[in-house]
Amino acid sequence: MATTKSAKIEAEIEKVKAKIAEQQTKLKELEQRKVEAENSEIVDIVRGMSIPLAELPLVLQQLRAGKTLGQNVPKSEEVAAE
């Protein structure tokens, strides 16, 4: 018995849906791996700074507030104004 056009199209639709589901799973896995890699990089940076754990929140607050960490380098705006 010959397969109808609509049956062929339906079969193709199912194949595409399966591929989409597979790619969505792969995308979620890649996004998770990216987050894990970023977290690892952040941990490496923080460990490289040799900051005691108790002082880390204060340092992060200072960074967020735009304060320098013992550097006396003027901001680029200040240099341009001179």
PDB file of N, CA and C in Angstrom:
ATOM      1  N   MET A   1       0.836  -1.176   0.000  1.00  0.00           N
ATOM      2  CA  MET A   1       0.000   0.000   0.000  1.00  0.00           C
ATOM      3  C   MET A   1       0.887   1.249   0.000  1.00  0.00           C
ATOM      4  N   ALA A   2       0.577   2.166  -0.835  1.00  0.00           N
ATOM      5  CA  ALA A   2       1.362   3.386  -0.980  1.00  0.00           C
ATOM      6  C   ALA A   2       1.104   4.322   0.194  1.00  0.00           C
ATOM      7  N   THR A   3       2.154   5.004   0.591  1.00  0.00           N
ATOM      8  CA  THR A   3       2.038   5.967   1.676  1.00  0.00           C
ATOM      9  C   THR A   3       1.524   7.287   1.103  1.00  0.00           C
ATOM     10  N   THR A   4       0.586   7.879   1.800  1.00  0.00           N
ATOM     11  CA  THR A   4       0.024   9.141   1.325  1.00  0.00           C
ATOM     12  C   THR A   4       0.979  10.290   1.608  1.00  0.00           C
ATOM     13  N   LYS A   5       0.770  11.390   0.895  1.00  0.00           N
ATOM     14  CA  LYS A   5       1.601  12.575   1.107  1.00  0.00           C
ATOM     15  C   LYS A   5       1.503  13.057   2.545  1.00  0.00           C
ATOM     16  N   SER A   6       0.297  13.076   3.069  1.00  0.00           N
ATOM     17  CA  SER A   6       0.122  13.572   4.435  1.00  0.00           C
ATOM     18  C   SER A   6       0.820  12.666   5.445  1.00  0.00           C
ATOM     19  N   ALA A   7       0.850  11.372   5.192  1.00  0.00           N
ATOM     20  CA  ALA A   7       1.536  10.443   6.095  1.00  0.00           C
ATOM     21  C   ALA A   7       3.045  10.679   6.046  1.00  0.00           C
ATOM     22  N   LYS A   8       3.565  10.944   4.838  1.00  0.00           N
ATOM     23  CA  LYS A   8       4.995  11.233   4.710  1.00  0.00           C
ATOM     24  C   LYS A   8       5.347  12.527   5.451  1.00  0.00           C
ATOM     25  N   ILE A   9       4.493  13.520   5.274  1.00  0.00           N
ATOM     26  CA  ILE A   9       4.724  14.799   5.952  1.00  0.00           C
ATOM     27  C   ILE A   9       4.657  14.613   7.462  1.00  0.00           C
ATOM     28  N   GLU A  10       3.696  13.837   7.922  1.00  0.00           N
ATOM     29  CA  GLU A  10       3.562  13.568   9.362  1.00  0.00           C
ATOM     30  C   GLU A  10       4.807  12.866   9.900  1.00  0.00           C
ATOM     31  N   ALA A  11       5.337  11.918   9.135  1.00  0.00           N
ATOM     32  CA  ALA A  11       6.553  11.216   9.552  1.00  0.00           C
ATOM     33  C   ALA A  11       7.729  12.192   9.632  1.00  0.00           C
ATOM     34  N   GLU A  12       7.816  13.095   8.658  1.00  0.00           N
ATOM     35  CA  GLU A  12       8.879  14.093   8.666  1.00  0.00           C
ATOM     36  C   GLU A  12       8.738  15.032   9.862  1.00  0.00           C
ATOM     37  N   ILE A  13       7.515  15.416  10.174  1.00  0.00           N
ATOM     38  CA  ILE A  13       7.250  16.266  11.343  1.00  0.00           C
ATOM     39  C   ILE A  13       7.743  15.586  12.610  1.00  0.00           C
ATOM     40  N   GLU A  14       7.448  14.320  12.754  1.00  0.00           N
ATOM     41  CA  GLU A  14       7.878  13.578  13.949  1.00  0.00           C
ATOM     42  C   GLU A  14       9.400  13.503  14.036  1.00  0.00           C
ATOM     43  N   LYS A  15      10.060  13.320  12.892  1.00  0.00           N
ATOM     44  CA  LYS A  15      11.529  13.289  12.882  1.00  0.00           C
ATOM     45  C   LYS A  15      12.097  14.632  13.346  1.00  0.00           C
ATOM     46  N   VAL A  16      11.520  15.707  12.821  1.00  0.00           N
ATOM     47  CA  VAL A  16      11.998  17.043  13.178  1.00  0.00           C
ATOM     48  C   VAL A  16      11.758  17.319  14.657  1.00  0.00           C
ATOM     49  N   LYS A  17      10.600  16.921  15.170  1.00  0.00           N
ATOM     50  CA  LYS A  17      10.308  17.112  16.595  1.00  0.00           C
ATOM     51  C   LYS A  17      11.313  16.362  17.456  1.00  0.00           C
ATOM     52  N   ALA A  18      11.666  15.156  17.041  1.00  0.00           N
ATOM     53  CA  ALA A  18      12.645  14.373  17.793  1.00  0.00           C
ATOM     54  C   ALA A  18      14.005  15.062  17.781  1.00  0.00           C
ATOM     55  N   LYS A  19      14.395  15.597  16.620  1.00  0.00           N
ATOM     56  CA  LYS A  19      15.676  16.301  16.523  1.00  0.00           C
ATOM     57  C   LYS A  19      15.669  17.561  17.382  1.00  0.00           C
ATOM     58  N   ILE A  20      14.548  18.278  17.375  1.00  0.00           N
ATOM     59  CA  ILE A  20      14.434  19.490  18.193  1.00  0.00           C
ATOM     60  C   ILE A  20      14.578  19.144  19.671  1.00  0.00           C
ATOM     61  N   ALA A  21      13.905  18.100  20.110  1.00  0.00           N
ATOM     62  CA  ALA A  21      13.989  17.687  21.515  1.00  0.00           C
ATOM     63  C   ALA A  21      15.427  17.325  21.881  1.00  0.00           C
ATOM     64  N   GLU A  22      16.102  16.631  20.966  1.00  0.00           N
ATOM     65  CA  GLU A  22      17.495  16.248  21.204  1.00  0.00           C
ATOM     66  C   GLU A  22      18.383  17.489  21.308  1.00  0.00           C
ATOM     67  N   GLN A  23      18.173  18.449  20.428  1.00  0.00           N
ATOM     68  CA  GLN A  23      18.967  19.670  20.446  1.00  0.00           C
ATOM     69  C   GLN A  23      18.672  20.521  21.683  1.00  0.00           C
ATOM     70  N   GLN A  24      17.417  20.530  22.135  1.00  0.00           N
ATOM     71  CA  GLN A  24      17.079  21.271  23.352  1.00  0.00           C
ATOM     72  C   GLN A  24      17.787  20.666  24.558  1.00  0.00           C
ATOM     73  N   THR A  25      17.851  19.350  24.601  1.00  0.00           N
ATOM     74  CA  THR A  25      18.568  18.674  25.682  1.00  0.00           C
ATOM     75  C   THR A  25      20.048  19.029  25.629  1.00  0.00           C
ATOM     76  N   LYS A  26      20.605  18.993  24.421  1.00  0.00           N
ATOM     77  CA  LYS A  26      22.020  19.332  24.257  1.00  0.00           C
ATOM     78  C   LYS A  26      22.274  20.784  24.669  1.00  0.00           C
ATOM     79  N   LEU A  27      21.366  21.693  24.306  1.00  0.00           N
ATOM     80  CA  LEU A  27      21.495  23.105  24.672  1.00  0.00           C
ATOM     81  C   LEU A  27      21.499  23.282  26.187  1.00  0.00           C
ATOM     82  N   LYS A  28      20.592  22.605  26.877  1.00  0.00           N
ATOM     83  CA  LYS A  28      20.541  22.701  28.340  1.00  0.00           C
ATOM     84  C   LYS A  28      21.834  22.199  28.964  1.00  0.00           C
ATOM     85  N   GLU A  29      22.365  21.100  28.425  1.00  0.00           N
ATOM     86  CA  GLU A  29      23.620  20.557  28.946  1.00  0.00           C
ATOM     87  C   GLU A  29      24.768  21.542  28.723  1.00  0.00           C
ATOM     88  N   LEU A  30      24.817  22.142  27.540  1.00  0.00           N
ATOM     89  CA  LEU A  30      25.878  23.109  27.244  1.00  0.00           C
ATOM     90  C   LEU A  30      25.767  24.349  28.124  1.00  0.00           C
ATOM     91  N   GLU A  31      24.549  24.818  28.341  1.00  0.00           N
ATOM     92  CA  GLU A  31      24.359  25.976  29.218  1.00  0.00           C
ATOM     93  C   GLU A  31      24.808  25.661  30.635  1.00  0.00           C
ATOM     94  N   GLN A  32      24.523  24.461  31.112  1.00  0.00           N
ATOM     95  CA  GLN A  32      24.947  24.054  32.449  1.00  0.00           C
ATOM     96  C   GLN A  32      26.471  23.975  32.525  1.00  0.00           C
ATOM     97  N   ARG A  33      27.097  23.408  31.486  1.00  0.00           N
ATOM     98  CA  ARG A  33      28.559  23.321  31.457  1.00  0.00           C
ATOM     99  C   ARG A  33      29.186  24.717  31.452  1.00  0.00           C
ATOM    100  N   LYS A  34      28.555  25.660  30.741  1.00  0.00           N
ATOM    101  CA  LYS A  34      29.061  27.035  30.694  1.00  0.00           C
ATOM    102  C   LYS A  34      29.014  27.665  32.077  1.00  0.00           C
ATOM    103  N   VAL A  35      27.902  27.495  32.781  1.00  0.00           N
ATOM    104  CA  VAL A  35      27.765  28.047  34.136  1.00  0.00           C
ATOM    105  C   VAL A  35      28.825  27.444  35.052  1.00  0.00           C
ATOM    106  N   GLU A  36      29.027  26.137  34.954  1.00  0.00           N
ATOM    107  CA  GLU A  36      30.029  25.476  35.787  1.00  0.00           C
ATOM    108  C   GLU A  36      31.429  25.998  35.471  1.00  0.00           C
ATOM    109  N   ALA A  37      31.726  26.214  34.185  1.00  0.00           N
ATOM    110  CA  ALA A  37      33.041  26.737  33.796  1.00  0.00           C
ATOM    111  C   ALA A  37      33.230  28.159  34.316  1.00  0.00           C
ATOM    112  N   GLU A  38      32.186  28.990  34.202  1.00  0.00           N
ATOM    113  CA  GLU A  38      32.266  30.354  34.723  1.00  0.00           C
ATOM    114  C   GLU A  38      32.483  30.346  36.230  1.00  0.00           C
ATOM    115  N   ASN A  39      31.759  29.496  36.929  1.00  0.00           N
ATOM    116  CA  ASN A  39      31.923  29.409  38.381  1.00  0.00           C
ATOM    117  C   ASN A  39      33.341  28.987  38.744  1.00  0.00           C
ATOM    118  N   SER A  40      33.874  28.044  38.003  1.00  0.00           N
ATOM    119  CA  SER A  40      35.235  27.585  38.255  1.00  0.00           C
ATOM    120  C   SER A  40      36.240  28.712  38.023  1.00  0.00           C
ATOM    121  N   GLU A  41      36.023  29.486  36.956  1.00  0.00           N
ATOM    122  CA  GLU A  41      36.907  30.616  36.673  1.00  0.00           C
ATOM    123  C   GLU A  41      36.837  31.658  37.787  1.00  0.00           C
ATOM    124  N   ILE A  42      35.646  31.919  38.286  1.00  0.00           N
ATOM    125  CA  ILE A  42      35.476  32.887  39.374  1.00  0.00           C
ATOM    126  C   ILE A  42      36.206  32.409  40.620  1.00  0.00           C
ATOM    127  N   VAL A  43      36.057  31.146  40.940  1.00  0.00           N
ATOM    128  CA  VAL A  43      36.729  30.583  42.115  1.00  0.00           C
ATOM    129  C   VAL A  43      38.240  30.694  41.954  1.00  0.00           C
ATOM    130  N   ASP A  44      38.752  30.386  40.758  1.00  0.00           N
ATOM    131  CA  ASP A  44      40.193  30.490  40.521  1.00  0.00           C
ATOM    132  C   ASP A  44      40.687  31.926  40.698  1.00  0.00           C
ATOM    133  N   ILE A  45      39.915  32.885  40.202  1.00  0.00           N
ATOM    134  CA  ILE A  45      40.303  34.295  40.334  1.00  0.00           C
ATOM    135  C   ILE A  45      40.336  34.702  41.800  1.00  0.00           C
ATOM    136  N   VAL A  46      39.297  34.343  42.536  1.00  0.00           N
ATOM    137  CA  VAL A  46      39.214  34.715  43.954  1.00  0.00           C
ATOM    138  C   VAL A  46      40.333  34.052  44.741  1.00  0.00           C
ATOM    139  N   ARG A  47      40.586  32.792  44.464  1.00  0.00           N
ATOM    140  CA  ARG A  47      41.679  32.108  45.175  1.00  0.00           C
ATOM    141  C   ARG A  47      43.023  32.738  44.844  1.00  0.00           C
ATOM    142  N   GLY A  48      43.181  33.188  43.616  1.00  0.00           N
ATOM    143  CA  GLY A  48      44.428  33.817  43.197  1.00  0.00           C
ATOM    144  C   GLY A  48      44.668  35.157  43.868  1.00  0.00           C
ATOM    145  N   MET A  49      43.614  35.758  44.399  1.00  0.00           N
ATOM    146  CA  MET A  49      43.743  37.053  45.064  1.00  0.00           C
ATOM    147  C   MET A  49      44.242  36.905  46.496  1.00  0.00           C
ATOM    148  N   SER A  50      44.274  35.726  47.024  1.00  0.00           N
ATOM    149  CA  SER A  50      44.747  35.452  48.387  1.00  0.00           C
ATOM    150  C   SER A  50      44.043  36.318  49.421  1.00  0.00           C
ATOM    151  N   ILE A  51      42.745  36.440  49.291  1.00  0.00           N
ATOM    152  CA  ILE A  51      41.948  37.213  50.244  1.00  0.00           C
ATOM    153  C   ILE A  51      41.337  36.237  51.244  1.00  0.00           C
ATOM    154  N   PRO A  52      41.479  36.505  52.543  1.00  0.00           N
ATOM    155  CA  PRO A  52      40.843  35.629  53.531  1.00  0.00           C
ATOM    156  C   PRO A  52      39.326  35.597  53.317  1.00  0.00           C
ATOM    157  N   LEU A  53      38.742  34.458  53.542  1.00  0.00           N
ATOM    158  CA  LEU A  53      37.309  34.274  53.310  1.00  0.00           C
ATOM    159  C   LEU A  53      36.476  35.288  54.080  1.00  0.00           C
ATOM    160  N   ALA A  54      36.898  35.625  55.286  1.00  0.00           N
ATOM    161  CA  ALA A  54      36.149  36.582  56.106  1.00  0.00           C
ATOM    162  C   ALA A  54      36.138  37.979  55.479  1.00  0.00           C
ATOM    163  N   GLU A  55      37.173  38.318  54.705  1.00  0.00           N
ATOM    164  CA  GLU A  55      37.267  39.648  54.093  1.00  0.00           C
ATOM    165  C   GLU A  55      36.629  39.715  52.707  1.00  0.00           C
ATOM    166  N   LEU A  56      36.327  38.590  52.129  1.00  0.00           N
ATOM    167  CA  LEU A  56      35.807  38.557  50.761  1.00  0.00           C
ATOM    168  C   LEU A  56      34.533  39.379  50.574  1.00  0.00           C
ATOM    169  N   PRO A  57      33.540  39.277  51.466  1.00  0.00           N
ATOM    170  CA  PRO A  57      32.334  40.107  51.267  1.00  0.00           C
ATOM    171  C   PRO A  57      32.641  41.607  51.239  1.00  0.00           C
ATOM    172  N   LEU A  58      33.551  42.062  52.098  1.00  0.00           N
ATOM    173  CA  LEU A  58      33.920  43.480  52.132  1.00  0.00           C
ATOM    174  C   LEU A  58      34.591  43.893  50.824  1.00  0.00           C
ATOM    175  N   VAL A  59      35.485  43.068  50.333  1.00  0.00           N
ATOM    176  CA  VAL A  59      36.175  43.370  49.075  1.00  0.00           C
ATOM    177  C   VAL A  59      35.168  43.450  47.931  1.00  0.00           C
ATOM    178  N   LEU A  60      34.233  42.529  47.895  1.00  0.00           N
ATOM    179  CA  LEU A  60      33.220  42.539  46.835  1.00  0.00           C
ATOM    180  C   LEU A  60      32.326  43.772  46.936  1.00  0.00           C
ATOM    181  N   GLN A  61      31.993  44.175  48.153  1.00  0.00           N
ATOM    182  CA  GLN A  61      31.194  45.393  48.340  1.00  0.00           C
ATOM    183  C   GLN A  61      31.955  46.618  47.842  1.00  0.00           C
ATOM    184  N   GLN A  62      33.247  46.670  48.135  1.00  0.00           N
ATOM    185  CA  GLN A  62      34.062  47.793  47.679  1.00  0.00           C
ATOM    186  C   GLN A  62      34.141  47.825  46.157  1.00  0.00           C
ATOM    187  N   LEU A  63      34.289  46.671  45.555  1.00  0.00           N
ATOM    188  CA  LEU A  63      34.314  46.610  44.094  1.00  0.00           C
ATOM    189  C   LEU A  63      32.991  47.090  43.510  1.00  0.00           C
ATOM    190  N   ARG A  64      31.909  46.651  44.108  1.00  0.00           N
ATOM    191  CA  ARG A  64      30.579  47.029  43.633  1.00  0.00           C
ATOM    192  C   ARG A  64      30.369  48.536  43.770  1.00  0.00           C
ATOM    193  N   ALA A  65      30.927  49.120  44.839  1.00  0.00           N
ATOM    194  CA  ALA A  65      30.780  50.556  45.088  1.00  0.00           C
ATOM    195  C   ALA A  65      31.741  51.382  44.231  1.00  0.00           C
ATOM    196  N   GLY A  66      32.628  50.717  43.517  1.00  0.00           N
ATOM    197  CA  GLY A  66      33.563  51.427  42.650  1.00  0.00           C
ATOM    198  C   GLY A  66      34.798  51.932  43.349  1.00  0.00           C
ATOM    199  N   LYS A  67      35.020  51.482  44.560  1.00  0.00           N
ATOM    200  CA  LYS A  67      36.212  51.903  45.296  1.00  0.00           C
ATOM    201  C   LYS A  67      37.401  51.090  44.807  1.00  0.00           C
ATOM    202  N   THR A  68      38.588  51.693  44.895  1.00  0.00           N
ATOM    203  CA  THR A  68      39.791  50.978  44.486  1.00  0.00           C
ATOM    204  C   THR A  68      40.315  50.160  45.648  1.00  0.00           C
ATOM    205  N   LEU A  69      41.146  49.220  45.326  1.00  0.00           N
ATOM    206  CA  LEU A  69      41.737  48.359  46.346  1.00  0.00           C
ATOM    207  C   LEU A  69      43.212  48.725  46.531  1.00  0.00           C
ATOM    208  N   GLY A  70      43.446  49.905  47.095  1.00  0.00           N
ATOM    209  CA  GLY A  70      44.817  50.315  47.360  1.00  0.00           C
ATOM    210  C   GLY A  70      45.542  50.839  46.141  1.00  0.00           C
ATOM    211  N   GLN A  71      44.847  51.072  45.064  1.00  0.00           N
ATOM    212  CA  GLN A  71      45.477  51.600  43.864  1.00  0.00           C
ATOM    213  C   GLN A  71      45.225  53.104  43.808  1.00  0.00           C
ATOM    214  N   ASN A  72      46.262  53.866  43.510  1.00  0.00           N
ATOM    215  CA  ASN A  72      46.131  55.316  43.425  1.00  0.00           C
ATOM    216  C   ASN A  72      46.164  55.775  41.975  1.00  0.00           C
ATOM    217  N   VAL A  73      45.522  55.028  41.121  1.00  0.00           N
ATOM    218  CA  VAL A  73      45.485  55.359  39.704  1.00  0.00           C
ATOM    219  C   VAL A  73      44.197  56.115  39.431  1.00  0.00           C
ATOM    220  N   PRO A  74      44.285  57.314  38.841  1.00  0.00           N
ATOM    221  CA  PRO A  74      43.051  58.066  38.571  1.00  0.00           C
ATOM    222  C   PRO A  74      42.209  57.362  37.514  1.00  0.00           C
ATOM    223  N   LYS A  75      40.922  57.570  37.605  1.00  0.00           N
ATOM    224  CA  LYS A  75      40.021  57.000  36.615  1.00  0.00           C
ATOM    225  C   LYS A  75      40.294  57.655  35.275  1.00  0.00           C
ATOM    226  N   SER A  76      39.950  56.995  34.198  1.00  0.00           N
ATOM    227  CA  SER A  76      40.244  57.504  32.859  1.00  0.00           C
ATOM    228  C   SER A  76      39.593  58.860  32.617  1.00  0.00           C
ATOM    229  N   GLU A  77      38.434  59.133  33.220  1.00  0.00           N
ATOM    230  CA  GLU A  77      37.765  60.423  33.070  1.00  0.00           C
ATOM    231  C   GLU A  77      38.612  61.536  33.677  1.00  0.00           C
ATOM    232  N   GLU A  78      39.231  61.252  34.826  1.00  0.00           N
ATOM    233  CA  GLU A  78      40.052  62.252  35.496  1.00  0.00           C
ATOM    234  C   GLU A  78      41.294  62.560  34.676  1.00  0.00           C
ATOM    235  N   VAL A  79      41.871  61.568  34.052  1.00  0.00           N
ATOM    236  CA  VAL A  79      43.065  61.755  33.233  1.00  0.00           C
ATOM    237  C   VAL A  79      42.710  62.584  32.004  1.00  0.00           C
ATOM    238  N   ALA A  80      41.579  62.314  31.402  1.00  0.00           N
ATOM    239  CA  ALA A  80      41.161  63.035  30.201  1.00  0.00           C
ATOM    240  C   ALA A  80      40.874  64.502  30.505  1.00  0.00           C
ATOM    241  N   ALA A  81      40.406  64.811  31.701  1.00  0.00           N
ATOM    242  CA  ALA A  81      40.059  66.180  32.082  1.00  0.00           C
ATOM    243  C   ALA A  81      41.297  67.048  32.258  1.00  0.00           C
ATOM    244  N   GLU A  82      42.436  66.446  32.541  1.00  0.00           N
ATOM    245  CA  GLU A  82      43.663  67.212  32.802  1.00  0.00           C
ATOM    246  C   GLU A  82      44.284  67.770  31.577  1.00  0.00           C
TER     247      GLU A  82
END
